[in-house]
Structure formats: C-alpha cells, structure tokens
N, C-alpha and C. Protein backbone atom coordinates (compact mmCIF):
# COMPACT_ATOMS: atom_id res chain seq x y z
N UNK A 1 22.05 -34.47 22.45
CA UNK A 1 22.75 -36.46 21.78
C UNK A 1 22.94 -36.37 22.83
N UNK A 2 23.83 -36.60 24.47
CA UNK A 2 24.52 -36.87 24.66
C UNK A 2 24.50 -37.92 25.57
N UNK A 3 22.82 -37.74 26.16
CA UNK A 3 21.82 -38.70 26.45
C UNK A 3 21.75 -40.59 25.69
N UNK A 4 21.27 -40.25 24.32
CA UNK A 4 21.01 -40.05 23.45
C UNK A 4 21.79 -41.94 22.69
N UNK A 5 21.40 -42.92 22.29
CA UNK A 5 22.75 -44.27 21.57
C UNK A 5 23.55 -43.10 20.55
N UNK A 6 24.24 -43.00 19.77
CA UNK A 6 23.81 -42.41 18.55
C UNK A 6 23.84 -43.07 17.11
N UNK A 7 23.20 -44.15 17.80
CA UNK A 7 23.07 -45.32 16.63
C UNK A 7 21.17 -44.34 16.32
N UNK A 8 20.76 -43.72 16.84
CA UNK A 8 19.77 -43.25 17.05
C UNK A 8 19.87 -41.06 16.38
N UNK A 9 20.91 -40.81 17.52
CA UNK A 9 20.64 -39.80 16.02
C UNK A 9 21.46 -39.78 14.30
N UNK A 10 21.44 -41.11 14.63
CA UNK A 10 22.38 -41.42 12.92
C UNK A 10 21.41 -41.09 12.39
N UNK A 11 20.46 -42.77 13.13
CA UNK A 11 19.65 -42.43 12.36
C UNK A 11 17.87 -41.80 12.36
N UNK A 12 17.80 -40.32 13.11
CA UNK A 12 17.44 -38.83 13.07
C UNK A 12 18.21 -38.58 11.78
N UNK A 13 19.11 -37.65 11.68
CA UNK A 13 20.19 -36.83 11.23
C UNK A 13 19.78 -37.96 9.19
N UNK A 14 19.69 -39.24 9.13
CA UNK A 14 19.69 -39.52 7.81
C UNK A 14 18.66 -39.32 7.44
N UNK A 15 17.27 -39.26 8.36
CA UNK A 15 15.87 -39.32 7.82
C UNK A 15 16.22 -37.99 7.75
N UNK A 16 16.25 -36.92 8.46
CA UNK A 16 16.17 -35.77 8.13
C UNK A 16 16.86 -35.29 6.91
N UNK A 17 18.03 -36.02 6.63
CA UNK A 17 18.61 -35.12 5.83
C UNK A 17 18.46 -35.63 4.24
N UNK A 18 18.10 -36.49 4.56
CA UNK A 18 17.19 -37.23 2.78
C UNK A 18 16.22 -36.48 2.29
N UNK A 19 15.29 -36.10 3.20
CA UNK A 19 14.95 -35.12 3.08
C UNK A 19 15.13 -33.58 2.45
N UNK A 20 16.19 -33.68 2.74
CA UNK A 20 16.48 -31.63 2.24
C UNK A 20 18.23 -31.89 1.26
N UNK A 21 18.05 -33.88 0.66
CA UNK A 21 19.42 -34.34 -0.47
C UNK A 21 20.57 -33.76 0.26
N UNK A 22 20.48 -33.83 1.64
CA UNK A 22 21.61 -33.63 2.45
C UNK A 22 22.87 -34.05 2.50
N UNK A 23 22.18 -35.77 1.97
CA UNK A 23 23.11 -37.34 2.43
C UNK A 23 23.97 -37.33 1.06
N UNK A 24 25.46 -37.80 1.27
CA UNK A 24 26.15 -37.79 1.42
C UNK A 24 26.94 -36.52 0.91
N UNK A 25 26.96 -35.59 0.85
CA UNK A 25 27.12 -34.12 1.37
C UNK A 25 28.48 -33.48 2.13
N UNK A 26 29.10 -32.82 2.19
CA UNK A 26 30.52 -31.89 2.70
C UNK A 26 29.51 -31.64 4.03
N UNK A 27 28.39 -30.29 3.69
CA UNK A 27 26.99 -29.71 4.86
C UNK A 27 26.59 -30.85 5.26
N UNK A 28 25.86 -31.71 4.89
CA UNK A 28 26.47 -33.11 5.88
C UNK A 28 25.90 -33.65 7.27
N UNK A 29 27.57 -34.31 6.48
CA UNK A 29 28.84 -34.22 7.46
C UNK A 29 28.87 -33.20 8.52
N UNK A 30 29.56 -32.97 8.49
CA UNK A 30 29.58 -31.69 8.96
C UNK A 30 29.03 -30.78 10.02
N UNK A 31 27.34 -31.20 9.82
CA UNK A 31 26.25 -30.70 10.77
C UNK A 31 25.68 -31.99 11.75
N UNK A 32 26.75 -33.09 11.01
CA UNK A 32 25.83 -34.04 12.12
C UNK A 32 26.87 -34.71 13.38
N UNK A 33 28.07 -34.36 12.39
CA UNK A 33 29.31 -33.59 13.97
C UNK A 33 29.43 -32.35 14.45
N UNK A 34 28.61 -31.80 14.35
CA UNK A 34 28.78 -30.52 14.60
C UNK A 34 27.14 -31.04 15.98
N UNK A 35 26.35 -31.40 15.49
CA UNK A 35 25.70 -31.28 16.65
C UNK A 35 26.09 -33.15 17.17
N UNK A 36 27.16 -33.28 17.32
CA UNK A 36 27.49 -34.42 18.81
C UNK A 36 28.69 -34.05 18.99
N UNK A 37 29.49 -33.51 18.31
CA UNK A 37 30.39 -32.28 19.80
C UNK A 37 29.65 -31.29 20.44
N UNK A 38 29.43 -30.84 20.11
CA UNK A 38 28.32 -28.95 20.56
C UNK A 38 28.27 -29.19 21.76
N UNK A 39 27.72 -29.85 22.33
CA UNK A 39 27.42 -30.39 23.96
C UNK A 39 28.69 -29.94 24.29
N UNK A 40 29.86 -30.80 24.57
CA UNK A 40 30.58 -30.88 24.36
C UNK A 40 31.27 -29.57 25.54
N UNK A 41 31.23 -28.64 23.73
CA UNK A 41 32.08 -27.65 23.74
C UNK A 41 31.57 -26.25 24.35
N UNK A 42 30.19 -26.57 24.20
CA UNK A 42 29.71 -25.47 25.01
C UNK A 42 28.92 -26.02 27.55
N UNK A 43 29.94 -27.17 27.41
CA UNK A 43 30.19 -27.34 28.61
C UNK A 43 31.10 -26.76 29.20
N UNK A 44 32.29 -27.72 28.28
CA UNK A 44 33.64 -26.45 28.40
C UNK A 44 33.34 -25.17 28.16
N UNK A 45 32.75 -24.65 27.85
CA UNK A 45 33.41 -23.13 27.78
C UNK A 45 32.39 -22.21 28.35
N UNK A 46 31.23 -23.12 28.86
CA UNK A 46 30.28 -22.26 29.89
C UNK A 46 30.81 -22.38 31.26
N UNK A 47 31.51 -23.22 31.27
CA UNK A 47 32.48 -24.25 32.48
C UNK A 47 32.74 -22.83 33.12
N UNK A 48 34.16 -22.40 31.96
CA UNK A 48 35.37 -21.21 32.01
C UNK A 48 34.61 -20.06 32.13
N UNK A 49 33.08 -19.42 30.95
CA UNK A 49 33.20 -18.80 31.79
C UNK A 49 32.41 -18.88 32.64
N UNK A 50 31.80 -19.77 33.50
CA UNK A 50 31.18 -19.14 34.82
C UNK A 50 32.02 -19.15 35.71
N UNK A 51 33.36 -18.81 35.46
CA UNK A 51 34.71 -18.83 36.86
C UNK A 51 35.26 -17.54 35.85
N UNK A 52 34.53 -16.56 34.44
CA UNK A 52 35.30 -15.69 34.26
C UNK A 52 34.45 -14.46 35.26
N UNK A 53 35.55 -13.43 35.40
CA UNK A 53 35.15 -12.25 36.15
C UNK A 53 34.52 -11.11 35.69
N UNK A 54 33.35 -10.97 35.09
CA UNK A 54 32.76 -9.90 34.19
C UNK A 54 33.53 -8.33 34.76
N UNK A 55 33.75 -8.14 35.93
CA UNK A 55 34.23 -7.35 36.38
C UNK A 55 34.71 -6.47 35.94
N UNK A 56 36.25 -7.34 34.86
CA UNK A 56 37.42 -6.93 34.35
C UNK A 56 37.37 -6.51 32.41
N UNK A 57 36.12 -7.17 32.19
CA UNK A 57 35.58 -6.29 31.12
C UNK A 57 35.06 -5.16 31.65
N UNK A 58 34.76 -4.83 32.59
CA UNK A 58 33.19 -3.77 32.57
C UNK A 58 34.50 -2.59 33.23
N UNK A 59 35.62 -2.82 33.16
CA UNK A 59 36.76 -1.76 33.60
C UNK A 59 37.53 -2.04 32.40
N UNK A 60 37.45 -2.12 31.88
CA UNK A 60 38.46 -2.40 30.44
C UNK A 60 37.76 -1.13 29.95
N UNK A 61 35.88 -1.38 28.88
CA UNK A 61 34.94 -1.22 29.07
C UNK A 61 34.56 0.89 29.42
N UNK A 62 34.86 0.88 30.54
CA UNK A 62 34.75 1.73 31.38
C UNK A 62 36.11 2.77 31.11
N UNK A 63 36.41 1.85 30.82
CA UNK A 63 38.21 2.68 30.75
C UNK A 63 38.24 3.03 28.87
N UNK A 64 38.06 2.98 27.92
CA UNK A 64 37.48 3.52 27.39
C UNK A 64 37.38 1.68 25.22
N UNK A 65 37.45 1.12 26.26
CA UNK A 65 37.73 -0.03 25.27
C UNK A 65 36.26 -0.33 24.53
N UNK A 66 35.84 -0.60 22.87
CA UNK A 66 35.36 -1.26 22.71
C UNK A 66 35.06 -1.89 23.28
N UNK A 67 33.64 -2.17 22.75
CA UNK A 67 33.23 -3.96 23.42
C UNK A 67 33.56 -5.47 22.59
N UNK A 68 33.91 -4.98 20.86
CA UNK A 68 35.09 -6.38 20.71
C UNK A 68 36.39 -5.99 21.17
N UNK A 69 37.00 -5.25 21.15
CA UNK A 69 38.15 -4.59 22.25
C UNK A 69 38.11 -5.07 23.40
N UNK A 70 37.14 -5.02 23.98
CA UNK A 70 37.38 -5.85 25.72
C UNK A 70 37.52 -7.20 26.08
N UNK A 71 36.38 -8.32 24.47
CA UNK A 71 36.57 -8.62 23.87
C UNK A 71 37.50 -9.53 23.91
N UNK A 72 38.17 -9.15 22.34
CA UNK A 72 39.65 -9.83 22.34
C UNK A 72 40.91 -9.45 23.41
N UNK A 73 40.80 -8.75 24.01
CA UNK A 73 41.82 -8.08 25.32
C UNK A 73 41.82 -8.97 26.33
N UNK A 74 40.54 -8.72 27.06
CA UNK A 74 40.42 -9.60 28.12
C UNK A 74 39.68 -10.76 28.66
N UNK A 75 38.83 -10.55 27.77
CA UNK A 75 37.99 -12.47 27.58
C UNK A 75 38.37 -13.53 27.14
N UNK A 76 38.83 -13.44 25.90
CA UNK A 76 39.42 -14.14 25.66
C UNK A 76 41.46 -14.81 25.74
N UNK A 77 42.04 -14.14 26.24
CA UNK A 77 42.59 -14.80 26.46
C UNK A 77 42.56 -15.14 27.90
N UNK A 78 41.66 -14.77 28.69
CA UNK A 78 40.97 -15.76 29.75
C UNK A 78 40.40 -17.21 29.53
N UNK A 79 39.55 -17.14 28.05
CA UNK A 79 39.12 -19.24 28.35
C UNK A 79 40.12 -19.23 27.39
N UNK A 80 41.05 -19.10 26.64
CA UNK A 80 41.54 -19.20 25.42
C UNK A 80 41.82 -20.86 25.72
N UNK A 81 42.54 -21.02 27.00
CA UNK A 81 42.66 -23.34 27.20
C UNK A 81 41.51 -23.33 27.20
N UNK A 82 40.12 -23.37 27.71
CA UNK A 82 38.82 -24.08 27.71
C UNK A 82 38.62 -23.67 26.32
N UNK A 83 38.25 -23.59 25.16
CA UNK A 83 38.29 -23.21 23.36
C UNK A 83 39.22 -23.89 23.38
N UNK A 84 40.67 -23.76 23.60
CA UNK A 84 41.36 -25.30 22.43
C UNK A 84 40.96 -26.52 23.30
N UNK A 85 40.99 -26.72 24.10
CA UNK A 85 40.42 -27.99 25.08
C UNK A 85 39.25 -28.13 24.29
N UNK A 86 38.42 -27.01 24.44
CA UNK A 86 36.89 -27.51 22.79
C UNK A 86 36.74 -27.95 22.36
N UNK A 87 38.24 -27.91 21.29
CA UNK A 87 37.91 -27.59 19.81
C UNK A 87 38.83 -28.96 19.76
N UNK A 88 40.01 -29.95 20.90
CA UNK A 88 40.41 -30.67 20.82
C UNK A 88 39.35 -32.40 20.80
N UNK A 89 38.23 -31.84 21.88
CA UNK A 89 37.82 -32.75 22.05
C UNK A 89 36.27 -32.27 20.85
N UNK A 90 36.32 -31.52 20.82
CA UNK A 90 35.09 -31.38 19.21
C UNK A 90 35.55 -32.49 18.17
N UNK A 91 37.03 -32.88 18.21
CA UNK A 91 37.83 -33.53 17.05
C UNK A 91 37.76 -34.19 17.60
N UNK A 92 38.57 -35.12 18.90
CA UNK A 92 38.53 -36.08 18.44
C UNK A 92 37.03 -36.80 19.07
N UNK A 93 36.13 -36.59 19.19
CA UNK A 93 34.86 -36.95 19.61
C UNK A 93 34.18 -36.66 17.28
N UNK A 94 35.14 -36.27 17.03
CA UNK A 94 34.46 -36.49 15.58
C UNK A 94 35.10 -37.19 15.17
N UNK A 95 36.73 -37.65 15.30
CA UNK A 95 37.36 -37.99 14.78
C UNK A 95 36.78 -40.02 14.92
N UNK A 96 35.83 -40.11 16.41
CA UNK A 96 35.67 -40.86 17.38
C UNK A 96 34.89 -41.70 16.03
N UNK A 97 33.51 -40.73 15.73
CA UNK A 97 32.35 -41.72 15.38
C UNK A 97 31.93 -42.04 13.78
N UNK A 98 31.46 -43.08 13.84
CA UNK A 98 32.27 -44.20 12.42
C UNK A 98 31.04 -43.80 12.51
N UNK A 99 29.56 -43.92 13.71
CA UNK A 99 28.38 -44.62 12.97
C UNK A 99 27.31 -43.21 12.45
N UNK A 100 27.71 -42.00 12.64
CA UNK A 100 27.04 -40.83 12.24
C UNK A 100 28.26 -40.97 10.59
N UNK A 101 29.39 -41.56 10.58
CA UNK A 101 30.14 -41.26 8.77
C UNK A 101 29.28 -42.34 8.38
N UNK A 102 28.68 -42.99 9.09
CA UNK A 102 28.49 -44.15 8.57
C UNK A 102 26.68 -43.84 8.18
N UNK A 103 26.06 -43.77 8.36
CA UNK A 103 24.39 -43.71 8.45
C UNK A 103 24.68 -41.97 6.67
N UNK A 104 25.62 -40.79 6.69
CA UNK A 104 25.67 -39.99 6.54
C UNK A 104 26.15 -39.23 5.47
N UNK A 105 27.89 -40.30 5.00
CA UNK A 105 28.39 -39.97 4.74
C UNK A 105 28.23 -40.85 3.72
N UNK A 106 29.08 -41.09 2.03
CA UNK A 106 29.24 -41.92 1.26
C UNK A 106 30.14 -40.90 -0.17
N UNK A 107 30.26 -42.03 -1.32
CA UNK A 107 31.19 -41.59 -2.65
C UNK A 107 31.58 -40.48 -2.05
N UNK A 108 32.52 -39.42 -2.18
CA UNK A 108 33.68 -38.37 -2.42
C UNK A 108 34.02 -38.23 -1.11
N UNK A 109 32.64 -38.24 -0.49
CA UNK A 109 32.91 -37.37 1.08
C UNK A 109 33.56 -38.77 1.99
N UNK A 110 34.01 -39.28 2.24
CA UNK A 110 33.93 -40.94 3.39
C UNK A 110 35.03 -40.34 3.88
N UNK A 111 35.43 -40.14 5.09
CA UNK A 111 35.76 -39.95 6.58
C UNK A 111 37.07 -41.17 6.37
N UNK A 112 37.98 -40.88 7.25
CA UNK A 112 39.13 -41.60 7.16
C UNK A 112 39.05 -43.47 8.52
N UNK A 113 38.03 -42.69 9.40
CA UNK A 113 37.74 -43.34 10.04
C UNK A 113 35.80 -44.43 9.13
N UNK A 114 35.25 -43.99 8.83
CA UNK A 114 34.99 -45.01 7.93
C UNK A 114 35.83 -45.86 6.68
N UNK A 115 36.85 -45.13 6.10
CA UNK A 115 37.13 -46.66 4.97
C UNK A 115 38.29 -46.96 5.88
N UNK A 116 38.59 -46.89 7.47
CA UNK A 116 39.20 -48.20 8.48
C UNK A 116 37.75 -48.80 8.65
N UNK A 117 36.39 -48.59 8.84
CA UNK A 117 35.63 -48.85 9.01
C UNK A 117 36.05 -50.72 8.00
N UNK A 118 35.04 -49.54 7.42
CA UNK A 118 34.12 -50.37 6.01
C UNK A 118 35.87 -51.44 4.97
N UNK A 119 36.89 -51.10 5.74
CA UNK A 119 38.06 -51.47 4.94
C UNK A 119 38.44 -52.94 6.00
N UNK A 120 38.26 -52.61 6.89
CA UNK A 120 38.28 -53.92 8.79
C UNK A 120 37.33 -54.83 8.61
N UNK A 121 35.32 -54.29 7.54
CA UNK A 121 34.81 -54.96 7.59
C UNK A 121 35.48 -56.18 7.08
N UNK A 122 36.12 -55.22 5.49
CA UNK A 122 35.97 -56.60 4.43
C UNK A 122 36.68 -57.93 4.57
N UNK A 123 37.62 -56.85 4.21
CA UNK A 123 39.14 -57.37 4.69
C UNK A 123 40.06 -56.85 6.10
N UNK A 124 41.44 -57.96 5.90
CA UNK A 124 42.42 -57.50 6.68
C UNK A 124 43.67 -56.69 5.71
N UNK A 125 43.67 -55.20 6.48
CA UNK A 125 44.50 -54.79 5.08
C UNK A 125 45.38 -53.96 5.85
N UNK A 126 46.63 -54.15 5.50
CA UNK A 126 48.25 -53.83 6.52
C UNK A 126 47.48 -52.08 7.39
N UNK A 127 47.00 -51.34 5.32
CA UNK A 127 47.11 -50.04 5.08
C UNK A 127 46.25 -49.38 6.59
N UNK A 128 45.16 -50.38 7.20
CA UNK A 128 44.51 -50.14 8.12
C UNK A 128 46.20 -49.55 9.48
N UNK A 129 46.51 -51.23 9.67
CA UNK A 129 48.03 -50.80 10.93
C UNK A 129 48.45 -49.73 10.78
N UNK A 130 48.74 -49.21 9.09
CA UNK A 130 50.03 -48.04 9.17
C UNK A 130 49.26 -46.78 9.29
N UNK A 131 48.36 -46.41 9.46
CA UNK A 131 47.09 -45.59 9.20
C UNK A 131 46.71 -45.84 11.07
N UNK A 132 46.54 -46.47 11.86
CA UNK A 132 46.44 -46.64 13.34
C UNK A 132 48.15 -46.33 13.85
N UNK A 133 49.09 -46.45 13.47
CA UNK A 133 50.88 -46.71 13.94
C UNK A 133 50.57 -44.79 13.80
N UNK A 134 49.85 -44.58 12.10
CA UNK A 134 50.74 -43.33 12.55
C UNK A 134 49.83 -42.31 14.02
N UNK A 135 48.48 -42.36 14.03
CA UNK A 135 47.86 -42.32 14.42
C UNK A 135 48.30 -41.91 16.22
N UNK A 136 48.68 -43.53 15.92
CA UNK A 136 48.94 -43.06 17.92
C UNK A 136 50.18 -42.80 18.03
N UNK A 137 51.63 -42.38 16.94
CA UNK A 137 53.00 -41.58 16.85
C UNK A 137 52.82 -40.16 16.78
N UNK A 138 50.90 -39.76 16.15
CA UNK A 138 50.99 -38.18 16.18
C UNK A 138 50.78 -37.64 17.40
N UNK A 139 49.50 -38.67 18.17
CA UNK A 139 49.40 -38.55 19.79
C UNK A 139 50.33 -38.52 20.64
N UNK A 140 51.23 -39.17 20.13
CA UNK A 140 51.76 -39.82 21.30
C UNK A 140 53.01 -38.19 21.38
N UNK A 141 53.16 -38.06 20.24
CA UNK A 141 54.23 -36.67 20.11
C UNK A 141 53.10 -35.40 20.80
N UNK A 142 52.07 -35.68 20.60
CA UNK A 142 51.42 -34.63 21.15
C UNK A 142 51.56 -34.39 22.55
N UNK A 143 51.75 -35.24 23.48
CA UNK A 143 51.67 -34.93 24.50
C UNK A 143 52.97 -35.32 24.73
N UNK A 144 53.99 -35.00 24.48
CA UNK A 144 56.02 -35.42 25.30
C UNK A 144 55.58 -33.39 24.62
N UNK A 145 55.01 -32.99 23.18
CA UNK A 145 54.82 -31.62 22.65
C UNK A 145 54.22 -31.00 24.51
N UNK A 146 52.87 -31.10 24.51
CA UNK A 146 52.50 -30.47 25.67
C UNK A 146 53.14 -30.62 26.70
N UNK A 147 53.46 -32.07 26.67
CA UNK A 147 55.02 -32.06 28.40
C UNK A 147 55.46 -31.13 28.29
N UNK A 148 56.46 -31.24 28.35
CA UNK A 148 57.70 -29.67 27.46
C UNK A 148 57.09 -28.27 27.94
N UNK A 149 56.25 -28.19 27.15
CA UNK A 149 55.81 -27.35 27.14
C UNK A 149 55.53 -26.33 28.44
N UNK A 150 54.87 -27.61 29.36
CA UNK A 150 54.64 -27.44 30.75
C UNK A 150 55.81 -27.13 31.84
N UNK A 151 57.10 -28.08 31.30
CA UNK A 151 58.09 -28.16 31.95
C UNK A 151 58.40 -26.43 31.42
N UNK A 152 58.70 -26.36 30.18
CA UNK A 152 59.05 -25.03 30.26
C UNK A 152 57.97 -23.19 30.98
N UNK A 153 57.12 -23.44 30.59
CA UNK A 153 56.43 -22.68 31.38
C UNK A 153 56.51 -23.33 33.03
N UNK A 154 57.08 -23.57 33.46
CA UNK A 154 57.14 -23.77 35.28
C UNK A 154 58.31 -23.08 35.36
C-alpha cells in the first residue's frame, strides 16, 4: 500500500467491501485505515526489533521467567518507544486519510476528516476553521509537553 496511490487502494477496498457488504460500516472503516497504516507500523517496530538484544530475553528465560513474563519485563520496555511512535504515526496517517474515508464510510460512520472535506467542498464554514484551530492547539500542546518531559528526564 505504500507504493500504490491511495485512490487505487480506496477503489480496491470499495470493490472488496461491496462484495462483503462492509461499505458504510465501522469494520470496513477500521480495516481500510489499518491497511494503510500497517506498513508504517511494521517498519517502525521491526527496526526496533532489529536493534533488540535477544540475549537478555534468553537470560531471563534461563533464570526461570516464563515467555510472557520475559516479554513484558524485558522486551516490551526496550521497544515501547517504537510502539508508541508507531501508534502515533498510524493515528496521524489514519487521521489524514480522507480518500479511504470517502470511499468506505458514510452515514452514521463518518469521520471528522470526511466531514471537514465535505463541508469545505460544499460551502465555507467557520466550524472548519474552529476545528482546525483546535487541532493546531492540541498538536502544539503535545509538542510542548514532549519537550518538557524530555527536559525533565535529562
């Protein structure tokens, strides 16, 4: 999906979802956005796992830790920032994808980006400007909070 234009992915998803009656459903919307975000998540998490030292988990297992306990206490803390980054990037990718939302969602399952796109297409509405301002404030607040947390940890 990363090399294929999003419009082709959306048309393919629409054709597939029509056959299974998943157009205008939450499941179809989630699957469509997951398909677009999955390559990004895999790239980020797999790069973290390539730098991960498997010997630490082997040592934990040799000292009596179960596979699950070794994962949660050894592996997960080492790759948690990659998982958090992957979650944020997949959320932003999903939030940015208007085209898939236009093809797959509708009715009661409309996303905020689809609603904004349709409102901008039909008329100029101050609500869109207000939503955009709120989104900028949220992004700026998260950026400031991240910088403050980074300074506290140093």
